[in-house]
């Protein structure tokens, strides 16, 4: 990266945006989205924003990181290696191979994920993969009117910007936020399995989902799907489906909790997809 004189830069590329990264792998101002994405995707607590001027971008960095002047990178064209692009608002109708009977592999990711360093092709598509060989996906659920008779709910699965497997769907069954969270995770695993992915990090802002899988599920099963208080597990159907995906054993799953609505790109995109899924649910009710 190198500094570009501001007057010359304006004359040569007058409409170029400025991507400010206040918290990420490298703090600074970047001239293309792929460069910015490399600093923030998979980075817990990342803070970044797009600005029309360098001064605004620098002010954002100063306010949120306390760092010195950022470095402006040379303009590069974004990668265009996605195949078979489709609208992110469409539902997934793909079929998947039968699961093999192997040991369950699921891990709670306590540490910050390894940096995402490259694009790796699996099956038909390329995916963001970290240095440890794990593909990253973000999942989310959305529900308007949660807990009411008028509730509408959807789910979102996000792999990367413009990715063909980014998916919005209405939930099946009860319209609740937790149903969307669980079903989104199940779908993400199925999509990954279809492409031959064998290591997957599921980034989610649902601590309920993570605790359910890594702490509570064994006890629920021992008690015939009842809570320690004696009541039934409300999301039994969805958890049975998710456990089947996990128990296949052909994908090693890590769970990573991310904070919601704090500028983490993957989480924000998954939330947008889930909200579209809620609108699809609403349309089904008409």
C-alpha atoms as a PDB file:
ATOM      1  CA  UNK A   1       0.000   0.000   0.000  1.00  0.00           C
ATOM      2  CA  UNK A   2       1.149   3.589  -0.632  1.00  0.00           C
ATOM      3  CA  UNK A   3      -0.010   7.155  -0.189  1.00  0.00           C
ATOM      4  CA  UNK A   4      -1.531   8.878  -3.194  1.00  0.00           C
ATOM      5  CA  UNK A   5      -1.401  12.705  -3.352  1.00  0.00           C
ATOM      6  CA  UNK A   6      -4.948  13.916  -2.808  1.00  0.00           C
ATOM      7  CA  UNK A   7      -5.161  16.444  -5.703  1.00  0.00           C
ATOM      8  CA  UNK A   8      -3.791  13.952  -8.249  1.00  0.00           C
ATOM      9  CA  UNK A   9      -6.000  11.198  -6.896  1.00  0.00           C
ATOM     10  CA  UNK A  10      -9.132  13.283  -7.309  1.00  0.00           C
ATOM     11  CA  UNK A  11      -8.180  14.183 -10.846  1.00  0.00           C
ATOM     12  CA  UNK A  12      -7.530  10.580 -11.918  1.00  0.00           C
ATOM     13  CA  UNK A  13     -10.283   8.736 -10.046  1.00  0.00           C
ATOM     14  CA  UNK A  14     -12.901  11.284  -9.011  1.00  0.00           C
ATOM     15  CA  UNK A  15     -15.617   8.805  -8.027  1.00  0.00           C
ATOM     16  CA  UNK A  16     -13.538   6.273  -6.111  1.00  0.00           C
ATOM     17  CA  UNK A  17     -14.928   5.355  -2.662  1.00  0.00           C
ATOM     18  CA  UNK A  18     -12.918   5.214   0.572  1.00  0.00           C
ATOM     19  CA  UNK A  19     -13.290   2.151   2.806  1.00  0.00           C
ATOM     20  CA  UNK A  20     -12.284   2.996   6.364  1.00  0.00           C
ATOM     21  CA  UNK A  21     -11.290   0.120   8.673  1.00  0.00           C
ATOM     22  CA  UNK A  22     -11.118   1.298  12.285  1.00  0.00           C
ATOM     23  CA  UNK A  23     -10.894  -2.210  13.745  1.00  0.00           C
ATOM     24  CA  UNK A  24      -9.656  -5.119  11.701  1.00  0.00           C
ATOM     25  CA  UNK A  25      -6.574  -7.059  10.773  1.00  0.00           C
ATOM     26  CA  UNK A  26      -5.072  -3.831   9.462  1.00  0.00           C
ATOM     27  CA  UNK A  27      -6.373  -0.366  10.319  1.00  0.00           C
ATOM     28  CA  UNK A  28      -6.426   2.066   7.428  1.00  0.00           C
ATOM     29  CA  UNK A  29      -8.223   3.434   4.367  1.00  0.00           C
ATOM     30  CA  UNK A  30      -8.647   1.159   1.365  1.00  0.00           C
ATOM     31  CA  UNK A  31      -9.702   1.994  -2.160  1.00  0.00           C
ATOM     32  CA  UNK A  32     -11.474  -1.260  -3.105  1.00  0.00           C
ATOM     33  CA  UNK A  33     -13.979  -3.480  -1.359  1.00  0.00           C
ATOM     34  CA  UNK A  34     -11.925  -6.726  -1.697  1.00  0.00           C
ATOM     35  CA  UNK A  35      -9.037  -5.043   0.146  1.00  0.00           C
ATOM     36  CA  UNK A  36     -11.363  -3.855   2.899  1.00  0.00           C
ATOM     37  CA  UNK A  37     -13.105  -7.248   3.067  1.00  0.00           C
ATOM     38  CA  UNK A  38      -9.802  -9.011   3.634  1.00  0.00           C
ATOM     39  CA  UNK A  39      -9.301  -6.938   6.790  1.00  0.00           C
ATOM     40  CA  UNK A  40     -12.766  -7.399   8.321  1.00  0.00           C
ATOM     41  CA  UNK A  41     -14.357 -10.635   7.119  1.00  0.00           C
ATOM     42  CA  UNK A  42     -14.249 -13.116  10.005  1.00  0.00           C
ATOM     43  CA  UNK A  43     -12.655 -10.555  12.348  1.00  0.00           C
ATOM     44  CA  UNK A  44     -14.675 -10.399  15.568  1.00  0.00           C
ATOM     45  CA  UNK A  45     -15.730  -6.835  16.426  1.00  0.00           C
ATOM     46  CA  UNK A  46     -14.600  -5.311  13.139  1.00  0.00           C
ATOM     47  CA  UNK A  47     -15.569  -1.657  12.571  1.00  0.00           C
ATOM     48  CA  UNK A  48     -15.606  -0.311   9.037  1.00  0.00           C
ATOM     49  CA  UNK A  49     -17.586   1.985   6.769  1.00  0.00           C
ATOM     50  CA  UNK A  50     -17.599   3.340   3.224  1.00  0.00           C
ATOM     51  CA  UNK A  51     -17.166   7.115   2.704  1.00  0.00           C
ATOM     52  CA  UNK A  52     -17.183   9.443  -0.316  1.00  0.00           C
ATOM     53  CA  UNK A  53     -14.102  11.398   0.875  1.00  0.00           C
ATOM     54  CA  UNK A  54     -10.770  10.529   2.444  1.00  0.00           C
ATOM     55  CA  UNK A  55     -11.270  13.115   5.199  1.00  0.00           C
ATOM     56  CA  UNK A  56     -14.504  11.485   6.376  1.00  0.00           C
ATOM     57  CA  UNK A  57     -12.875   8.064   6.303  1.00  0.00           C
ATOM     58  CA  UNK A  58      -9.960   9.298   8.394  1.00  0.00           C
ATOM     59  CA  UNK A  59     -12.313  10.937  10.899  1.00  0.00           C
ATOM     60  CA  UNK A  60     -14.122   7.619  11.320  1.00  0.00           C
ATOM     61  CA  UNK A  61     -10.836   5.814  12.017  1.00  0.00           C
ATOM     62  CA  UNK A  62      -9.715   8.464  14.485  1.00  0.00           C
ATOM     63  CA  UNK A  63     -13.029   8.344  16.341  1.00  0.00           C
ATOM     64  CA  UNK A  64     -13.243   4.563  16.582  1.00  0.00           C
ATOM     65  CA  UNK A  65      -9.659   3.367  16.850  1.00  0.00           C
ATOM     66  CA  UNK A  66      -7.472   6.255  17.981  1.00  0.00           C
ATOM     67  CA  UNK A  67      -4.940   5.327  15.293  1.00  0.00           C
ATOM     68  CA  UNK A  68      -2.859   7.627  13.164  1.00  0.00           C
ATOM     69  CA  UNK A  69      -3.453   8.444   9.505  1.00  0.00           C
ATOM     70  CA  UNK A  70      -4.537   5.502   7.411  1.00  0.00           C
ATOM     71  CA  UNK A  71      -2.833   4.320   4.254  1.00  0.00           C
ATOM     72  CA  UNK A  72      -4.658   4.566   0.972  1.00  0.00           C
ATOM     73  CA  UNK A  73      -4.177   1.611  -1.337  1.00  0.00           C
ATOM     74  CA  UNK A  74      -3.985   1.646  -5.100  1.00  0.00           C
ATOM     75  CA  UNK A  75      -7.281   1.073  -6.871  1.00  0.00           C
ATOM     76  CA  UNK A  76      -7.849  -2.531  -7.988  1.00  0.00           C
ATOM     77  CA  UNK A  77     -10.770  -4.202  -9.685  1.00  0.00           C
ATOM     78  CA  UNK A  78     -12.779  -6.548  -7.443  1.00  0.00           C
ATOM     79  CA  UNK A  79     -12.555 -10.255  -8.082  1.00  0.00           C
ATOM     80  CA  UNK A  80     -15.280 -11.736 -10.268  1.00  0.00           C
ATOM     81  CA  UNK A  81     -14.817 -15.452  -9.786  1.00  0.00           C
ATOM     82  CA  UNK A  82     -18.353 -16.339  -8.640  1.00  0.00           C
ATOM     83  CA  UNK A  83     -20.157 -18.774 -10.929  1.00  0.00           C
ATOM     84  CA  UNK A  84     -23.864 -19.196 -11.368  1.00  0.00           C
ATOM     85  CA  UNK A  85     -24.939 -16.041  -9.565  1.00  0.00           C
ATOM     86  CA  UNK A  86     -28.562 -15.775  -8.529  1.00  0.00           C
ATOM     87  CA  UNK A  87     -30.693 -13.439  -6.487  1.00  0.00           C
ATOM     88  CA  UNK A  88     -29.999 -13.648  -2.766  1.00  0.00           C
ATOM     89  CA  UNK A  89     -33.736 -13.519  -2.117  1.00  0.00           C
ATOM     90  CA  UNK A  90     -34.425 -16.895  -3.689  1.00  0.00           C
ATOM     91  CA  UNK A  91     -34.888 -20.024  -1.637  1.00  0.00           C
ATOM     92  CA  UNK A  92     -32.611 -23.032  -1.879  1.00  0.00           C
ATOM     93  CA  UNK A  93     -34.139 -26.097  -3.505  1.00  0.00           C
ATOM     94  CA  UNK A  94     -30.964 -28.160  -3.963  1.00  0.00           C
ATOM     95  CA  UNK A  95     -30.862 -31.828  -2.989  1.00  0.00           C
ATOM     96  CA  UNK A  96     -27.987 -33.226  -1.013  1.00  0.00           C
ATOM     97  CA  UNK A  97     -26.195 -36.594  -0.789  1.00  0.00           C
ATOM     98  CA  UNK A  98     -27.087 -38.945   2.085  1.00  0.00           C
ATOM     99  CA  UNK A  99     -25.050 -38.542   5.265  1.00  0.00           C
ATOM    100  CA  UNK A 100     -22.426 -41.090   6.186  1.00  0.00           C
ATOM    101  CA  UNK A 101     -22.305 -42.749   9.596  1.00  0.00           C
ATOM    102  CA  UNK A 102     -19.244 -41.251  11.241  1.00  0.00           C
ATOM    103  CA  UNK A 103     -18.375 -39.691  14.570  1.00  0.00           C
ATOM    104  CA  UNK A 104     -19.917 -36.326  15.408  1.00  0.00           C
ATOM    105  CA  UNK A 105     -17.550 -33.385  14.994  1.00  0.00           C
ATOM    106  CA  UNK A 106     -18.577 -30.059  16.497  1.00  0.00           C
ATOM    107  CA  UNK A 107     -16.336 -27.582  18.267  1.00  0.00           C
ATOM    108  CA  UNK A 108     -16.999 -24.352  20.142  1.00  0.00           C
ATOM    109  CA  UNK A 109     -14.575 -21.790  18.782  1.00  0.00           C
ATOM    110  CA  UNK A 110     -13.379 -19.947  21.889  1.00  0.00           C
ATOM    111  CA  UNK A 111     -10.621 -17.992  20.171  1.00  0.00           C
ATOM    112  CA  UNK A 112     -10.766 -15.446  17.385  1.00  0.00           C
ATOM    113  CA  UNK A 113     -10.978 -17.235  14.015  1.00  0.00           C
ATOM    114  CA  UNK A 114      -7.835 -17.491  11.943  1.00  0.00           C
ATOM    115  CA  UNK A 115      -7.450 -14.728   9.332  1.00  0.00           C
ATOM    116  CA  UNK A 116      -9.272 -15.351   6.079  1.00  0.00           C
ATOM    117  CA  UNK A 117      -6.455 -15.373   3.594  1.00  0.00           C
ATOM    118  CA  UNK A 118      -7.629 -16.816   0.301  1.00  0.00           C
ATOM    119  CA  UNK A 119     -10.408 -17.945  -1.968  1.00  0.00           C
ATOM    120  CA  UNK A 120     -10.590 -21.711  -2.370  1.00  0.00           C
ATOM    121  CA  UNK A 121     -12.772 -23.588  -4.822  1.00  0.00           C
ATOM    122  CA  UNK A 122     -15.017 -26.388  -3.599  1.00  0.00           C
ATOM    123  CA  UNK A 123     -17.420 -27.981  -6.034  1.00  0.00           C
ATOM    124  CA  UNK A 124     -18.841 -25.303  -8.323  1.00  0.00           C
ATOM    125  CA  UNK A 125     -17.904 -22.225  -6.300  1.00  0.00           C
ATOM    126  CA  UNK A 126     -15.101 -20.431  -4.490  1.00  0.00           C
ATOM    127  CA  UNK A 127     -15.306 -19.717  -0.769  1.00  0.00           C
ATOM    128  CA  UNK A 128     -13.487 -17.556   1.770  1.00  0.00           C
ATOM    129  CA  UNK A 129     -11.162 -19.847   3.725  1.00  0.00           C
ATOM    130  CA  UNK A 130      -8.986 -19.057   6.731  1.00  0.00           C
ATOM    131  CA  UNK A 131      -5.402 -20.091   7.395  1.00  0.00           C
ATOM    132  CA  UNK A 132      -6.556 -23.178   9.300  1.00  0.00           C
ATOM    133  CA  UNK A 133      -8.482 -24.489   6.287  1.00  0.00           C
ATOM    134  CA  UNK A 134     -11.996 -23.563   7.472  1.00  0.00           C
ATOM    135  CA  UNK A 135     -14.576 -22.017   5.157  1.00  0.00           C
ATOM    136  CA  UNK A 136     -16.561 -19.232   6.844  1.00  0.00           C
ATOM    137  CA  UNK A 137     -20.316 -18.739   6.662  1.00  0.00           C
ATOM    138  CA  UNK A 138     -22.631 -16.354   8.510  1.00  0.00           C
ATOM    139  CA  UNK A 139     -26.149 -17.373   9.514  1.00  0.00           C
ATOM    140  CA  UNK A 140     -29.044 -15.461  11.043  1.00  0.00           C
ATOM    141  CA  UNK A 141     -32.737 -15.653  11.799  1.00  0.00           C
ATOM    142  CA  UNK A 142     -35.284 -12.855  11.704  1.00  0.00           C
ATOM    143  CA  UNK A 143     -38.781 -12.557  13.107  1.00  0.00           C
ATOM    144  CA  UNK A 144     -41.230  -9.674  13.110  1.00  0.00           C
ATOM    145  CA  UNK A 145     -43.832  -9.903  15.838  1.00  0.00           C
ATOM    146  CA  UNK A 146     -41.949 -12.679  17.616  1.00  0.00           C
ATOM    147  CA  UNK A 147     -44.257 -14.520  20.002  1.00  0.00           C
ATOM    148  CA  UNK A 148     -47.480 -13.195  18.467  1.00  0.00           C
ATOM    149  CA  UNK A 149     -50.059 -14.743  16.158  1.00  0.00           C
ATOM    150  CA  UNK A 150     -48.955 -12.386  13.377  1.00  0.00           C
ATOM    151  CA  UNK A 151     -45.280 -13.357  13.537  1.00  0.00           C
ATOM    152  CA  UNK A 152     -43.373 -13.761  10.261  1.00  0.00           C
ATOM    153  CA  UNK A 153     -39.896 -15.283  10.254  1.00  0.00           C
ATOM    154  CA  UNK A 154     -37.073 -16.016   7.845  1.00  0.00           C
ATOM    155  CA  UNK A 155     -33.501 -17.217   7.712  1.00  0.00           C
ATOM    156  CA  UNK A 156     -30.348 -16.020   5.998  1.00  0.00           C
ATOM    157  CA  UNK A 157     -27.123 -17.746   4.963  1.00  0.00           C
ATOM    158  CA  UNK A 158     -24.201 -15.612   3.741  1.00  0.00           C
ATOM    159  CA  UNK A 159     -20.895 -16.854   2.317  1.00  0.00           C
ATOM    160  CA  UNK A 160     -19.468 -13.749   0.612  1.00  0.00           C
ATOM    161  CA  UNK A 161     -20.416 -10.713  -1.445  1.00  0.00           C
ATOM    162  CA  UNK A 162     -22.352 -11.768  -4.546  1.00  0.00           C
ATOM    163  CA  UNK A 163     -21.972 -15.465  -3.761  1.00  0.00           C
ATOM    164  CA  UNK A 164     -24.362 -17.780  -5.594  1.00  0.00           C
ATOM    165  CA  UNK A 165     -25.164 -19.712  -2.402  1.00  0.00           C
ATOM    166  CA  UNK A 166     -26.246 -16.711  -0.341  1.00  0.00           C
ATOM    167  CA  UNK A 167     -29.798 -17.639   0.597  1.00  0.00           C
ATOM    168  CA  UNK A 168     -33.006 -16.138   1.972  1.00  0.00           C
ATOM    169  CA  UNK A 169     -35.862 -18.433   2.964  1.00  0.00           C
ATOM    170  CA  UNK A 170     -39.011 -18.286   5.051  1.00  0.00           C
ATOM    171  CA  UNK A 171     -38.857 -20.564   8.070  1.00  0.00           C
ATOM    172  CA  UNK A 172     -40.783 -23.811   8.065  1.00  0.00           C
ATOM    173  CA  UNK A 173     -43.054 -24.528  11.008  1.00  0.00           C
ATOM    174  CA  UNK A 174     -43.399 -21.992  13.806  1.00  0.00           C
ATOM    175  CA  UNK A 175     -42.517 -18.388  13.008  1.00  0.00           C
ATOM    176  CA  UNK A 176     -39.960 -17.526  15.685  1.00  0.00           C
ATOM    177  CA  UNK A 177     -36.506 -15.999  15.668  1.00  0.00           C
ATOM    178  CA  UNK A 178     -34.934 -19.127  17.167  1.00  0.00           C
ATOM    179  CA  UNK A 179     -36.471 -21.298  14.449  1.00  0.00           C
ATOM    180  CA  UNK A 180     -34.786 -19.055  11.881  1.00  0.00           C
ATOM    181  CA  UNK A 181     -31.426 -19.270  13.665  1.00  0.00           C
ATOM    182  CA  UNK A 182     -31.496 -23.078  13.874  1.00  0.00           C
ATOM    183  CA  UNK A 183     -32.790 -23.672  10.357  1.00  0.00           C
ATOM    184  CA  UNK A 184     -30.199 -21.262   8.929  1.00  0.00           C
ATOM    185  CA  UNK A 185     -27.389 -23.279  10.518  1.00  0.00           C
ATOM    186  CA  UNK A 186     -28.805 -26.540   9.139  1.00  0.00           C
ATOM    187  CA  UNK A 187     -29.043 -25.053   5.655  1.00  0.00           C
ATOM    188  CA  UNK A 188     -25.496 -23.676   5.803  1.00  0.00           C
ATOM    189  CA  UNK A 189     -24.132 -27.133   6.631  1.00  0.00           C
ATOM    190  CA  UNK A 190     -26.133 -28.760   3.818  1.00  0.00           C
ATOM    191  CA  UNK A 191     -24.933 -26.201   1.289  1.00  0.00           C
ATOM    192  CA  UNK A 192     -21.335 -26.693   2.415  1.00  0.00           C
ATOM    193  CA  UNK A 193     -21.643 -30.475   2.262  1.00  0.00           C
ATOM    194  CA  UNK A 194     -23.042 -30.311  -1.273  1.00  0.00           C
ATOM    195  CA  UNK A 195     -19.888 -28.487  -2.413  1.00  0.00           C
ATOM    196  CA  UNK A 196     -17.514 -30.902  -0.696  1.00  0.00           C
ATOM    197  CA  UNK A 197     -16.468 -28.586   2.135  1.00  0.00           C
ATOM    198  CA  UNK A 198     -15.056 -30.515   5.094  1.00  0.00           C
ATOM    199  CA  UNK A 199     -14.253 -27.723   7.563  1.00  0.00           C
ATOM    200  CA  UNK A 200     -16.764 -24.993   8.320  1.00  0.00           C
ATOM    201  CA  UNK A 201     -16.968 -22.088  10.781  1.00  0.00           C
ATOM    202  CA  UNK A 202     -20.552 -20.992  11.457  1.00  0.00           C
ATOM    203  CA  UNK A 203     -20.558 -17.357  12.580  1.00  0.00           C
ATOM    204  CA  UNK A 204     -23.774 -16.474  14.399  1.00  0.00           C
ATOM    205  CA  UNK A 205     -24.977 -13.794  16.780  1.00  0.00           C
ATOM    206  CA  UNK A 206     -27.252 -16.332  18.525  1.00  0.00           C
ATOM    207  CA  UNK A 207     -25.712 -17.413  21.813  1.00  0.00           C
ATOM    208  CA  UNK A 208     -28.850 -19.507  22.311  1.00  0.00           C
ATOM    209  CA  UNK A 209     -27.997 -21.556  19.227  1.00  0.00           C
ATOM    210  CA  UNK A 210     -24.382 -22.084  20.278  1.00  0.00           C
ATOM    211  CA  UNK A 211     -25.270 -23.010  23.866  1.00  0.00           C
ATOM    212  CA  UNK A 212     -27.984 -25.368  22.665  1.00  0.00           C
ATOM    213  CA  UNK A 213     -25.581 -27.342  20.478  1.00  0.00           C
ATOM    214  CA  UNK A 214     -22.461 -27.258  22.643  1.00  0.00           C
ATOM    215  CA  UNK A 215     -24.002 -27.467  26.150  1.00  0.00           C
ATOM    216  CA  UNK A 216     -27.685 -28.351  26.421  1.00  0.00           C
ATOM    217  CA  UNK A 217     -28.481 -30.822  23.635  1.00  0.00           C
ATOM    218  CA  UNK A 218     -27.115 -33.985  25.339  1.00  0.00           C
ATOM    219  CA  UNK A 219     -29.236 -33.346  28.436  1.00  0.00           C
ATOM    220  CA  UNK A 220     -32.371 -32.702  26.395  1.00  0.00           C
ATOM    221  CA  UNK A 221     -31.949 -36.017  24.637  1.00  0.00           C
ATOM    222  CA  UNK A 222     -31.345 -37.934  27.875  1.00  0.00           C
ATOM    223  CA  UNK A 223     -34.571 -36.495  29.246  1.00  0.00           C
ATOM    224  CA  UNK A 224     -36.502 -37.357  26.077  1.00  0.00           C
ATOM    225  CA  UNK A 225     -36.426 -33.790  24.758  1.00  0.00           C
ATOM    226  CA  UNK A 226     -37.492 -32.088  27.954  1.00  0.00           C
ATOM    227  CA  UNK A 227     -35.885 -29.189  29.792  1.00  0.00           C
ATOM    228  CA  UNK A 228     -34.341 -29.589  33.232  1.00  0.00           C
ATOM    229  CA  UNK A 229     -37.448 -27.792  34.513  1.00  0.00           C
ATOM    230  CA  UNK A 230     -39.633 -30.509  33.024  1.00  0.00           C
ATOM    231  CA  UNK A 231     -41.099 -28.549  30.131  1.00  0.00           C
ATOM    232  CA  UNK A 232     -40.750 -29.599  26.485  1.00  0.00           C
ATOM    233  CA  UNK A 233     -37.983 -28.333  24.205  1.00  0.00           C
ATOM    234  CA  UNK A 234     -39.923 -25.974  21.957  1.00  0.00           C
ATOM    235  CA  UNK A 235     -37.584 -26.280  18.987  1.00  0.00           C
ATOM    236  CA  UNK A 236     -37.247 -30.070  19.036  1.00  0.00           C
ATOM    237  CA  UNK A 237     -38.042 -30.556  15.338  1.00  0.00           C
ATOM    238  CA  UNK A 238     -35.452 -28.004  14.243  1.00  0.00           C
ATOM    239  CA  UNK A 239     -32.790 -29.291  16.637  1.00  0.00           C
ATOM    240  CA  UNK A 240     -33.334 -32.885  15.497  1.00  0.00           C
ATOM    241  CA  UNK A 241     -32.705 -31.741  11.920  1.00  0.00           C
ATOM    242  CA  UNK A 242     -29.596 -29.776  12.925  1.00  0.00           C
ATOM    243  CA  UNK A 243     -28.224 -32.667  14.968  1.00  0.00           C
ATOM    244  CA  UNK A 244     -28.615 -34.959  11.975  1.00  0.00           C
ATOM    245  CA  UNK A 245     -26.490 -32.580   9.920  1.00  0.00           C
ATOM    246  CA  UNK A 246     -23.861 -32.441  12.652  1.00  0.00           C
ATOM    247  CA  UNK A 247     -23.856 -36.165  13.386  1.00  0.00           C
ATOM    248  CA  UNK A 248     -23.090 -37.081   9.780  1.00  0.00           C
ATOM    249  CA  UNK A 249     -19.458 -36.557  10.723  1.00  0.00           C
ATOM    250  CA  UNK A 250     -18.254 -35.594   7.251  1.00  0.00           C
ATOM    251  CA  UNK A 251     -17.857 -31.901   8.138  1.00  0.00           C
ATOM    252  CA  UNK A 252     -15.963 -30.512  11.111  1.00  0.00           C
ATOM    253  CA  UNK A 253     -18.019 -27.632  12.483  1.00  0.00           C
ATOM    254  CA  UNK A 254     -16.783 -24.754  14.608  1.00  0.00           C
ATOM    255  CA  UNK A 255     -19.199 -22.290  16.194  1.00  0.00           C
ATOM    256  CA  UNK A 256     -18.173 -18.649  16.526  1.00  0.00           C
ATOM    257  CA  UNK A 257     -20.283 -16.030  18.304  1.00  0.00           C
ATOM    258  CA  UNK A 258     -20.253 -12.551  16.759  1.00  0.00           C
ATOM    259  CA  UNK A 259     -21.826  -9.390  18.097  1.00  0.00           C
ATOM    260  CA  UNK A 260     -24.951  -8.279  16.258  1.00  0.00           C
ATOM    261  CA  UNK A 261     -25.306  -4.936  14.466  1.00  0.00           C
ATOM    262  CA  UNK A 262     -21.820  -3.619  15.153  1.00  0.00           C
ATOM    263  CA  UNK A 263     -20.533  -3.383  11.586  1.00  0.00           C
ATOM    264  CA  UNK A 264     -19.456  -6.991  10.990  1.00  0.00           C
ATOM    265  CA  UNK A 265     -20.146  -7.385   7.297  1.00  0.00           C
ATOM    266  CA  UNK A 266     -21.089 -11.071   7.293  1.00  0.00           C
ATOM    267  CA  UNK A 267     -23.494 -10.658  10.185  1.00  0.00           C
ATOM    268  CA  UNK A 268     -25.127  -7.599   8.654  1.00  0.00           C
ATOM    269  CA  UNK A 269     -25.564  -9.381   5.325  1.00  0.00           C
ATOM    270  CA  UNK A 270     -26.997 -12.511   6.969  1.00  0.00           C
ATOM    271  CA  UNK A 271     -29.449 -10.297   8.847  1.00  0.00           C
ATOM    272  CA  UNK A 272     -30.533  -8.642   5.594  1.00  0.00           C
ATOM    273  CA  UNK A 273     -31.061 -12.042   3.978  1.00  0.00           C
ATOM    274  CA  UNK A 274     -33.058 -13.251   6.982  1.00  0.00           C
ATOM    275  CA  UNK A 275     -35.282 -10.168   6.802  1.00  0.00           C
ATOM    276  CA  UNK A 276     -35.977 -10.932   3.151  1.00  0.00           C
ATOM    277  CA  UNK A 277     -36.924 -14.424   4.289  1.00  0.00           C
ATOM    278  CA  UNK A 278     -39.431 -12.899   6.708  1.00  0.00           C
ATOM    279  CA  UNK A 279     -40.992 -10.963   3.838  1.00  0.00           C
ATOM    280  CA  UNK A 280     -41.254 -14.206   1.874  1.00  0.00           C
ATOM    281  CA  UNK A 281     -43.011 -15.763   4.857  1.00  0.00           C
ATOM    282  CA  UNK A 282     -45.442 -12.838   4.895  1.00  0.00           C
ATOM    283  CA  UNK A 283     -46.207 -13.316   1.211  1.00  0.00           C
ATOM    284  CA  UNK A 284     -46.972 -16.983   1.821  1.00  0.00           C
ATOM    285  CA  UNK A 285     -49.662 -16.011   4.323  1.00  0.00           C
ATOM    286  CA  UNK A 286     -51.581 -13.855   1.850  1.00  0.00           C
END
